[in-house]
Amino acid sequence: MLKIKTNLIMLILIVSVFSGCAVHYKVAQNNFKYQEGINVDLLNVQSSDGQSAWGGYALVPPRKHTLVRLTFQLTNTGNTDQVVDLTKIILLNTATKTKYPVAKIYQVAPVPIGARDDLKLKAGEQVKRVLMYVFPQKTVPDALQINEQAYVIAYKEG
């Protein structure tokens, strides 16, 4: 009985240490153009003050920073196969005019799996990816830069 209580206490301690405060932002419809024939839809924005152990890779934000996880759906609307460089999707802080590059890329799956920077999309194919960024704490991600073009992120009110 003591061993079960000890294991339960250790589990609670580990979960509390490795989990931070997560904030889920309600996004409105956000459709962006990566390039001709490639559409990018922002589906989800979430920030977490703790570390991320997604995909067996520990990502720890520096002091006074948070991890921001953006979920995108990329669609090839063209008739030819195309390659999308996901590192060209940069998170912007418009107040400070600072650019935040992608820290890690994942496939959307029940168990997160790391993904390559270059995404090969066949004609008509649609794929989801999660991009992780390190961003200042207590700051709402407000813009993206995709291939040197800036876009404001639209959120739902309330």
N, C-alpha and C. Protein backbone atom coordinates (compact mmCIF):
# COMPACT_ATOMS: atom_id res chain seq x y z
N MET A 1 0.83 -1.20 0.00
CA MET A 1 0.00 0.00 0.00
C MET A 1 0.87 1.26 0.00
N LEU A 2 1.94 1.23 0.77
CA LEU A 2 2.85 2.37 0.84
C LEU A 2 3.51 2.62 -0.52
N LYS A 3 3.86 1.53 -1.22
CA LYS A 3 4.50 1.65 -2.53
C LYS A 3 3.55 2.32 -3.54
N ILE A 4 2.27 1.99 -3.50
CA ILE A 4 1.29 2.60 -4.40
C ILE A 4 1.16 4.09 -4.11
N LYS A 5 1.09 4.46 -2.82
CA LYS A 5 0.99 5.88 -2.46
C LYS A 5 2.25 6.63 -2.87
N THR A 6 3.41 6.01 -2.70
CA THR A 6 4.67 6.64 -3.09
C THR A 6 4.72 6.85 -4.61
N ASN A 7 4.30 5.84 -5.36
CA ASN A 7 4.27 5.97 -6.82
C ASN A 7 3.29 7.05 -7.26
N LEU A 8 2.15 7.13 -6.61
CA LEU A 8 1.16 8.15 -6.95
C LEU A 8 1.70 9.55 -6.66
N ILE A 9 2.36 9.70 -5.53
CA ILE A 9 2.94 11.00 -5.18
C ILE A 9 4.03 11.38 -6.17
N MET A 10 4.85 10.43 -6.56
CA MET A 10 5.92 10.70 -7.54
C MET A 10 5.31 11.08 -8.89
N LEU A 11 4.25 10.41 -9.30
CA LEU A 11 3.59 10.72 -10.56
C LEU A 11 3.02 12.14 -10.53
N ILE A 12 2.36 12.51 -9.45
CA ILE A 12 1.80 13.85 -9.31
C ILE A 12 2.93 14.89 -9.33
N LEU A 13 4.02 14.61 -8.67
CA LEU A 13 5.17 15.53 -8.65
C LEU A 13 5.76 15.70 -10.05
N ILE A 14 5.93 14.61 -10.76
CA ILE A 14 6.50 14.67 -12.12
C ILE A 14 5.58 15.45 -13.05
N VAL A 15 4.29 15.19 -12.98
CA VAL A 15 3.33 15.89 -13.84
C VAL A 15 3.33 17.38 -13.52
N SER A 16 3.39 17.73 -12.25
CA SER A 16 3.36 19.15 -11.88
C SER A 16 4.64 19.87 -12.29
N VAL A 17 5.77 19.18 -12.26
CA VAL A 17 7.04 19.79 -12.66
C VAL A 17 7.10 20.00 -14.16
N PHE A 18 6.67 19.01 -14.92
CA PHE A 18 6.82 19.06 -16.37
C PHE A 18 5.64 19.68 -17.11
N SER A 19 4.60 20.02 -16.41
CA SER A 19 3.49 20.66 -17.10
C SER A 19 3.42 22.11 -16.66
N GLY A 20 3.28 22.98 -17.62
CA GLY A 20 3.15 24.39 -17.32
C GLY A 20 1.72 24.82 -17.58
N CYS A 21 1.52 26.07 -17.45
CA CYS A 21 0.21 26.62 -17.72
C CYS A 21 0.03 26.74 -19.23
N ALA A 22 -0.98 26.09 -19.76
CA ALA A 22 -1.23 26.14 -21.20
C ALA A 22 -2.40 27.07 -21.48
N VAL A 23 -2.27 27.86 -22.53
CA VAL A 23 -3.32 28.77 -22.95
C VAL A 23 -3.73 28.40 -24.37
N HIS A 24 -5.02 28.12 -24.56
CA HIS A 24 -5.56 27.82 -25.88
C HIS A 24 -6.26 29.08 -26.39
N TYR A 25 -5.83 29.57 -27.53
CA TYR A 25 -6.43 30.75 -28.13
C TYR A 25 -7.47 30.29 -29.15
N LYS A 26 -8.63 30.94 -29.16
CA LYS A 26 -9.67 30.62 -30.13
C LYS A 26 -9.39 31.41 -31.40
N VAL A 27 -9.03 30.71 -32.46
CA VAL A 27 -8.70 31.39 -33.70
C VAL A 27 -9.91 31.46 -34.62
N ALA A 28 -10.01 32.56 -35.34
CA ALA A 28 -11.02 32.70 -36.38
C ALA A 28 -10.47 32.04 -37.64
N GLN A 29 -11.12 32.24 -38.75
CA GLN A 29 -10.64 31.66 -39.99
C GLN A 29 -9.40 32.44 -40.44
N ASN A 30 -8.30 31.72 -40.60
CA ASN A 30 -7.03 32.30 -41.02
C ASN A 30 -6.52 31.54 -42.22
N ASN A 31 -6.68 32.10 -43.40
CA ASN A 31 -6.22 31.48 -44.64
C ASN A 31 -5.12 32.34 -45.23
N PHE A 32 -3.97 31.74 -45.46
CA PHE A 32 -2.82 32.46 -45.99
C PHE A 32 -2.33 31.75 -47.25
N LYS A 33 -1.55 32.46 -48.04
CA LYS A 33 -0.99 31.88 -49.25
C LYS A 33 0.51 31.73 -49.04
N TYR A 34 0.99 30.49 -49.17
CA TYR A 34 2.43 30.23 -49.07
C TYR A 34 3.10 30.63 -50.38
N GLN A 35 2.53 30.17 -51.46
CA GLN A 35 2.97 30.50 -52.82
C GLN A 35 1.83 30.11 -53.74
N GLU A 36 1.97 30.36 -55.01
CA GLU A 36 0.90 30.01 -55.96
C GLU A 36 0.60 28.51 -55.88
N GLY A 37 -0.65 28.17 -55.59
CA GLY A 37 -1.06 26.77 -55.51
C GLY A 37 -0.93 26.13 -54.14
N ILE A 38 -0.35 26.83 -53.16
CA ILE A 38 -0.22 26.30 -51.80
C ILE A 38 -0.93 27.22 -50.82
N ASN A 39 -2.00 26.71 -50.20
CA ASN A 39 -2.75 27.46 -49.20
C ASN A 39 -2.40 26.95 -47.81
N VAL A 40 -2.35 27.87 -46.85
CA VAL A 40 -2.03 27.55 -45.47
C VAL A 40 -3.18 28.03 -44.60
N ASP A 41 -3.78 27.13 -43.83
CA ASP A 41 -4.85 27.47 -42.90
C ASP A 41 -4.35 27.27 -41.48
N LEU A 42 -4.47 28.30 -40.65
CA LEU A 42 -4.11 28.19 -39.24
C LEU A 42 -5.30 27.64 -38.49
N LEU A 43 -5.14 26.48 -37.85
CA LEU A 43 -6.24 25.80 -37.17
C LEU A 43 -6.26 26.00 -35.67
N ASN A 44 -5.07 26.15 -35.06
CA ASN A 44 -5.00 26.16 -33.60
C ASN A 44 -3.76 26.92 -33.15
N VAL A 45 -3.91 27.67 -32.05
CA VAL A 45 -2.78 28.36 -31.42
C VAL A 45 -2.83 28.04 -29.93
N GLN A 46 -1.71 27.59 -29.41
CA GLN A 46 -1.63 27.24 -27.99
C GLN A 46 -0.26 27.64 -27.47
N SER A 47 -0.21 28.18 -26.26
CA SER A 47 1.09 28.47 -25.64
C SER A 47 1.19 27.72 -24.33
N SER A 48 2.42 27.40 -23.94
CA SER A 48 2.67 26.64 -22.72
C SER A 48 3.94 27.15 -22.07
N ASP A 49 3.85 27.48 -20.78
CA ASP A 49 5.01 28.01 -20.08
C ASP A 49 6.01 26.94 -19.68
N GLY A 50 5.60 25.69 -19.69
CA GLY A 50 6.49 24.60 -19.32
C GLY A 50 7.26 24.09 -20.51
N GLN A 51 8.00 23.04 -20.29
CA GLN A 51 8.75 22.43 -21.39
C GLN A 51 7.85 21.50 -22.18
N SER A 52 8.27 21.22 -23.39
CA SER A 52 7.53 20.30 -24.24
C SER A 52 8.39 19.07 -24.47
N ALA A 53 7.79 17.91 -24.31
CA ALA A 53 8.51 16.67 -24.57
C ALA A 53 7.87 15.95 -25.75
N TRP A 54 7.32 16.71 -26.67
CA TRP A 54 6.68 16.14 -27.84
C TRP A 54 7.68 15.35 -28.65
N GLY A 55 7.30 14.17 -29.07
CA GLY A 55 8.12 13.38 -29.98
C GLY A 55 9.44 12.93 -29.39
N GLY A 56 9.52 12.83 -28.06
CA GLY A 56 10.76 12.37 -27.42
C GLY A 56 11.86 13.42 -27.45
N TYR A 57 11.53 14.64 -27.78
CA TYR A 57 12.50 15.72 -27.89
C TYR A 57 12.12 16.79 -26.88
N ALA A 58 12.94 17.00 -25.85
CA ALA A 58 12.62 17.99 -24.83
C ALA A 58 12.98 19.38 -25.34
N LEU A 59 12.01 20.25 -25.36
CA LEU A 59 12.19 21.62 -25.79
C LEU A 59 11.86 22.50 -24.60
N VAL A 60 12.85 23.20 -24.08
CA VAL A 60 12.67 24.02 -22.89
C VAL A 60 12.85 25.49 -23.28
N PRO A 61 11.83 26.32 -23.06
CA PRO A 61 11.97 27.73 -23.42
C PRO A 61 12.90 28.44 -22.45
N PRO A 62 13.64 29.45 -22.92
CA PRO A 62 14.47 30.23 -22.01
C PRO A 62 13.61 31.02 -21.03
N ARG A 63 14.25 31.58 -20.05
CA ARG A 63 13.55 32.36 -19.03
C ARG A 63 12.74 33.49 -19.68
N LYS A 64 11.54 33.71 -19.15
CA LYS A 64 10.60 34.73 -19.61
C LYS A 64 10.09 34.47 -21.03
N HIS A 65 10.16 33.22 -21.48
CA HIS A 65 9.63 32.83 -22.78
C HIS A 65 8.70 31.64 -22.61
N THR A 66 7.91 31.39 -23.62
CA THR A 66 6.94 30.31 -23.62
C THR A 66 7.05 29.56 -24.95
N LEU A 67 6.51 28.38 -24.99
CA LEU A 67 6.44 27.64 -26.25
C LEU A 67 5.08 27.90 -26.87
N VAL A 68 5.07 28.26 -28.14
CA VAL A 68 3.83 28.48 -28.87
C VAL A 68 3.73 27.40 -29.93
N ARG A 69 2.60 26.72 -29.92
CA ARG A 69 2.35 25.61 -30.86
C ARG A 69 1.24 26.03 -31.82
N LEU A 70 1.59 26.11 -33.10
CA LEU A 70 0.62 26.45 -34.14
C LEU A 70 0.34 25.22 -34.98
N THR A 71 -0.93 24.92 -35.19
CA THR A 71 -1.31 23.80 -36.04
C THR A 71 -1.81 24.36 -37.37
N PHE A 72 -1.19 23.89 -38.45
CA PHE A 72 -1.52 24.35 -39.79
C PHE A 72 -2.05 23.21 -40.64
N GLN A 73 -2.90 23.56 -41.59
CA GLN A 73 -3.30 22.63 -42.64
C GLN A 73 -2.80 23.24 -43.95
N LEU A 74 -1.98 22.49 -44.67
CA LEU A 74 -1.42 22.95 -45.93
C LEU A 74 -2.08 22.17 -47.07
N THR A 75 -2.49 22.89 -48.10
CA THR A 75 -3.19 22.28 -49.21
C THR A 75 -2.53 22.67 -50.53
N ASN A 76 -2.25 21.67 -51.35
CA ASN A 76 -1.73 21.90 -52.69
C ASN A 76 -2.94 21.93 -53.63
N THR A 77 -3.31 23.12 -54.07
CA THR A 77 -4.46 23.27 -54.96
C THR A 77 -4.06 23.21 -56.43
N GLY A 78 -2.77 23.07 -56.68
CA GLY A 78 -2.28 23.05 -58.05
C GLY A 78 -2.33 21.66 -58.67
N ASN A 79 -1.84 21.58 -59.90
CA ASN A 79 -1.84 20.33 -60.65
C ASN A 79 -0.49 19.62 -60.63
N THR A 80 0.50 20.20 -59.94
CA THR A 80 1.82 19.59 -59.88
C THR A 80 2.26 19.43 -58.44
N ASP A 81 3.18 18.51 -58.21
CA ASP A 81 3.75 18.32 -56.88
C ASP A 81 4.59 19.55 -56.52
N GLN A 82 4.57 19.93 -55.24
CA GLN A 82 5.34 21.09 -54.79
C GLN A 82 6.01 20.79 -53.47
N VAL A 83 7.07 21.54 -53.19
CA VAL A 83 7.80 21.42 -51.93
C VAL A 83 7.58 22.70 -51.14
N VAL A 84 7.23 22.55 -49.86
CA VAL A 84 7.00 23.68 -48.98
C VAL A 84 8.08 23.66 -47.89
N ASP A 85 8.83 24.75 -47.78
CA ASP A 85 9.84 24.88 -46.73
C ASP A 85 9.15 25.48 -45.51
N LEU A 86 8.85 24.65 -44.52
CA LEU A 86 8.10 25.09 -43.34
C LEU A 86 8.87 26.09 -42.49
N THR A 87 10.19 26.16 -42.63
CA THR A 87 10.97 27.14 -41.86
C THR A 87 10.71 28.56 -42.36
N LYS A 88 10.02 28.71 -43.48
CA LYS A 88 9.69 30.04 -43.99
C LYS A 88 8.38 30.57 -43.41
N ILE A 89 7.81 29.83 -42.45
CA ILE A 89 6.65 30.30 -41.70
C ILE A 89 7.17 30.77 -40.35
N ILE A 90 7.27 32.07 -40.18
CA ILE A 90 7.92 32.69 -39.02
C ILE A 90 6.86 33.39 -38.18
N LEU A 91 6.98 33.28 -36.86
CA LEU A 91 6.07 33.97 -35.94
C LEU A 91 6.63 35.37 -35.69
N LEU A 92 5.75 36.36 -35.74
CA LEU A 92 6.17 37.75 -35.55
C LEU A 92 5.58 38.33 -34.27
N ASN A 93 6.34 39.20 -33.65
CA ASN A 93 5.83 40.02 -32.56
C ASN A 93 5.79 41.43 -33.12
N THR A 94 4.59 41.92 -33.46
CA THR A 94 4.49 43.21 -34.13
C THR A 94 4.85 44.38 -33.21
N ALA A 95 4.69 44.22 -31.90
CA ALA A 95 5.03 45.31 -30.97
C ALA A 95 6.53 45.59 -30.98
N THR A 96 7.34 44.52 -31.03
CA THR A 96 8.79 44.69 -31.01
C THR A 96 9.43 44.50 -32.38
N LYS A 97 8.62 44.10 -33.36
CA LYS A 97 9.08 43.82 -34.72
C LYS A 97 10.16 42.72 -34.74
N THR A 98 10.00 41.76 -33.82
CA THR A 98 10.94 40.65 -33.71
C THR A 98 10.40 39.43 -34.43
N LYS A 99 11.29 38.70 -35.11
CA LYS A 99 10.92 37.47 -35.82
C LYS A 99 11.36 36.27 -34.98
N TYR A 100 10.49 35.28 -34.89
CA TYR A 100 10.77 34.06 -34.15
C TYR A 100 10.69 32.86 -35.10
N PRO A 101 11.83 32.24 -35.38
CA PRO A 101 11.84 31.10 -36.32
C PRO A 101 11.26 29.84 -35.69
N VAL A 102 10.96 28.88 -36.53
CA VAL A 102 10.44 27.59 -36.09
C VAL A 102 11.50 26.89 -35.24
N ALA A 103 11.09 26.38 -34.07
CA ALA A 103 12.01 25.64 -33.21
C ALA A 103 11.94 24.14 -33.48
N LYS A 104 10.73 23.64 -33.79
CA LYS A 104 10.54 22.21 -34.03
C LYS A 104 9.27 22.01 -34.85
N ILE A 105 9.27 20.97 -35.69
CA ILE A 105 8.12 20.65 -36.54
C ILE A 105 7.68 19.23 -36.26
N TYR A 106 6.35 19.03 -36.15
CA TYR A 106 5.79 17.72 -35.87
C TYR A 106 4.67 17.39 -36.85
N GLN A 107 4.46 16.10 -37.06
CA GLN A 107 3.28 15.63 -37.76
C GLN A 107 2.13 15.61 -36.76
N VAL A 108 0.92 15.77 -37.24
CA VAL A 108 -0.24 15.66 -36.36
C VAL A 108 -0.60 14.19 -36.27
N ALA A 109 -0.47 13.63 -35.06
CA ALA A 109 -0.72 12.21 -34.82
C ALA A 109 -1.03 12.03 -33.34
N PRO A 110 -1.63 10.89 -32.96
CA PRO A 110 -1.90 10.65 -31.54
C PRO A 110 -0.62 10.72 -30.70
N VAL A 111 0.47 10.22 -31.26
CA VAL A 111 1.78 10.34 -30.61
C VAL A 111 2.62 11.23 -31.53
N PRO A 112 3.04 12.40 -31.05
CA PRO A 112 3.74 13.34 -31.91
C PRO A 112 5.03 12.74 -32.50
N ILE A 113 5.19 12.95 -33.79
CA ILE A 113 6.34 12.45 -34.52
C ILE A 113 7.00 13.64 -35.19
N GLY A 114 8.31 13.74 -35.06
CA GLY A 114 9.04 14.82 -35.71
C GLY A 114 8.84 14.78 -37.22
N ALA A 115 8.88 15.95 -37.85
CA ALA A 115 8.70 16.05 -39.29
C ALA A 115 9.85 16.86 -39.89
N ARG A 116 10.04 16.69 -41.18
CA ARG A 116 11.09 17.39 -41.90
C ARG A 116 10.69 18.84 -42.17
N ASP A 117 11.71 19.67 -42.41
CA ASP A 117 11.47 21.07 -42.77
C ASP A 117 10.80 21.19 -44.13
N ASP A 118 11.24 20.36 -45.07
CA ASP A 118 10.69 20.40 -46.42
C ASP A 118 9.54 19.41 -46.54
N LEU A 119 8.36 19.93 -46.82
CA LEU A 119 7.17 19.11 -46.96
C LEU A 119 6.86 18.95 -48.43
N LYS A 120 6.81 17.72 -48.89
CA LYS A 120 6.47 17.46 -50.30
C LYS A 120 4.98 17.19 -50.39
N LEU A 121 4.29 18.05 -51.13
CA LEU A 121 2.84 17.92 -51.30
C LEU A 121 2.53 17.53 -52.74
N LYS A 122 1.83 16.43 -52.89
CA LYS A 122 1.38 16.01 -54.22
C LYS A 122 0.20 16.89 -54.64
N ALA A 123 -0.08 16.92 -55.91
CA ALA A 123 -1.19 17.71 -56.43
C ALA A 123 -2.48 17.29 -55.72
N GLY A 124 -3.19 18.27 -55.16
CA GLY A 124 -4.45 18.01 -54.46
C GLY A 124 -4.31 17.50 -53.04
N GLU A 125 -3.09 17.30 -52.56
CA GLU A 125 -2.88 16.74 -51.22
C GLU A 125 -3.07 17.80 -50.14
N GLN A 126 -3.54 17.33 -48.97
CA GLN A 126 -3.77 18.18 -47.82
C GLN A 126 -3.10 17.53 -46.61
N VAL A 127 -2.27 18.30 -45.89
CA VAL A 127 -1.50 17.76 -44.77
C VAL A 127 -1.54 18.74 -43.60
N LYS A 128 -1.56 18.20 -42.37
CA LYS A 128 -1.49 19.04 -41.17
C LYS A 128 -0.11 18.91 -40.55
N ARG A 129 0.40 20.04 -40.03
CA ARG A 129 1.68 20.06 -39.33
C ARG A 129 1.56 20.97 -38.12
N VAL A 130 2.35 20.64 -37.08
CA VAL A 130 2.45 21.46 -35.88
C VAL A 130 3.83 22.10 -35.89
N LEU A 131 3.87 23.42 -35.77
CA LEU A 131 5.13 24.15 -35.71
C LEU A 131 5.25 24.75 -34.32
N MET A 132 6.40 24.52 -33.69
CA MET A 132 6.66 25.03 -32.34
C MET A 132 7.59 26.23 -32.44
N TYR A 133 7.30 27.25 -31.63
CA TYR A 133 8.10 28.47 -31.58
C TYR A 133 8.40 28.82 -30.13
N VAL A 134 9.51 29.50 -29.89
CA VAL A 134 9.82 30.08 -28.59
C VAL A 134 9.44 31.55 -28.70
N PHE A 135 8.60 32.04 -27.77
CA PHE A 135 8.00 33.37 -27.88
C PHE A 135 7.96 34.01 -26.49
N PRO A 136 7.98 35.34 -26.38
CA PRO A 136 7.93 35.98 -25.06
C PRO A 136 6.67 35.61 -24.28
N GLN A 137 6.82 35.42 -22.97
CA GLN A 137 5.68 35.12 -22.11
C GLN A 137 4.72 36.29 -22.09
N LYS A 138 3.47 35.99 -21.77
CA LYS A 138 2.41 36.98 -21.60
C LYS A 138 2.22 37.85 -22.84
N THR A 139 2.54 37.30 -23.99
CA THR A 139 2.36 37.99 -25.26
C THR A 139 1.54 37.09 -26.17
N VAL A 140 0.50 37.64 -26.76
CA VAL A 140 -0.34 36.87 -27.68
C VAL A 140 0.31 36.90 -29.07
N PRO A 141 0.54 35.73 -29.66
CA PRO A 141 1.09 35.71 -31.02
C PRO A 141 0.11 36.43 -31.95
N ASP A 142 0.58 37.48 -32.62
CA ASP A 142 -0.35 38.29 -33.38
C ASP A 142 -0.12 38.32 -34.89
N ALA A 143 1.00 37.78 -35.36
CA ALA A 143 1.24 37.82 -36.80
C ALA A 143 2.20 36.72 -37.23
N LEU A 144 2.13 36.41 -38.52
CA LEU A 144 3.02 35.43 -39.15
C LEU A 144 3.68 36.08 -40.35
N GLN A 145 4.85 35.58 -40.67
CA GLN A 145 5.49 35.95 -41.92
C GLN A 145 5.66 34.67 -42.72
N ILE A 146 5.10 34.66 -43.91
CA ILE A 146 5.20 33.49 -44.78
C ILE A 146 5.83 33.95 -46.09
N ASN A 147 7.04 33.44 -46.35
CA ASN A 147 7.77 33.85 -47.57
C ASN A 147 7.85 35.37 -47.70
N GLU A 148 8.26 36.03 -46.63
CA GLU A 148 8.47 37.49 -46.61
C GLU A 148 7.18 38.31 -46.64
N GLN A 149 6.02 37.67 -46.62
CA GLN A 149 4.73 38.38 -46.58
C GLN A 149 4.17 38.27 -45.16
N ALA A 150 3.79 39.40 -44.57
CA ALA A 150 3.26 39.41 -43.20
C ALA A 150 1.74 39.26 -43.22
N TYR A 151 1.23 38.49 -42.26
CA TYR A 151 -0.21 38.26 -42.11
C TYR A 151 -0.57 38.41 -40.63
N VAL A 152 -1.69 39.07 -40.35
CA VAL A 152 -2.19 39.20 -38.99
C VAL A 152 -3.00 37.96 -38.67
N ILE A 153 -2.84 37.43 -37.45
CA ILE A 153 -3.61 36.27 -36.99
C ILE A 153 -4.94 36.78 -36.45
N ALA A 154 -6.04 36.24 -36.95
CA ALA A 154 -7.38 36.63 -36.50
C ALA A 154 -7.85 35.68 -35.40
N TYR A 155 -8.30 36.27 -34.30
CA TYR A 155 -8.83 35.49 -33.17
C TYR A 155 -10.32 35.75 -33.01
N LYS A 156 -11.02 34.76 -32.42
CA LYS A 156 -12.42 34.95 -32.08
C LYS A 156 -12.50 35.73 -30.78
N GLU A 157 -13.48 36.56 -30.67
CA GLU A 157 -13.65 37.34 -29.44
C GLU A 157 -14.41 36.50 -28.41
N GLY A 158 -14.06 36.75 -27.16
CA GLY A 158 -14.77 36.07 -26.08
C GLY A 158 -14.10 34.93 -25.62
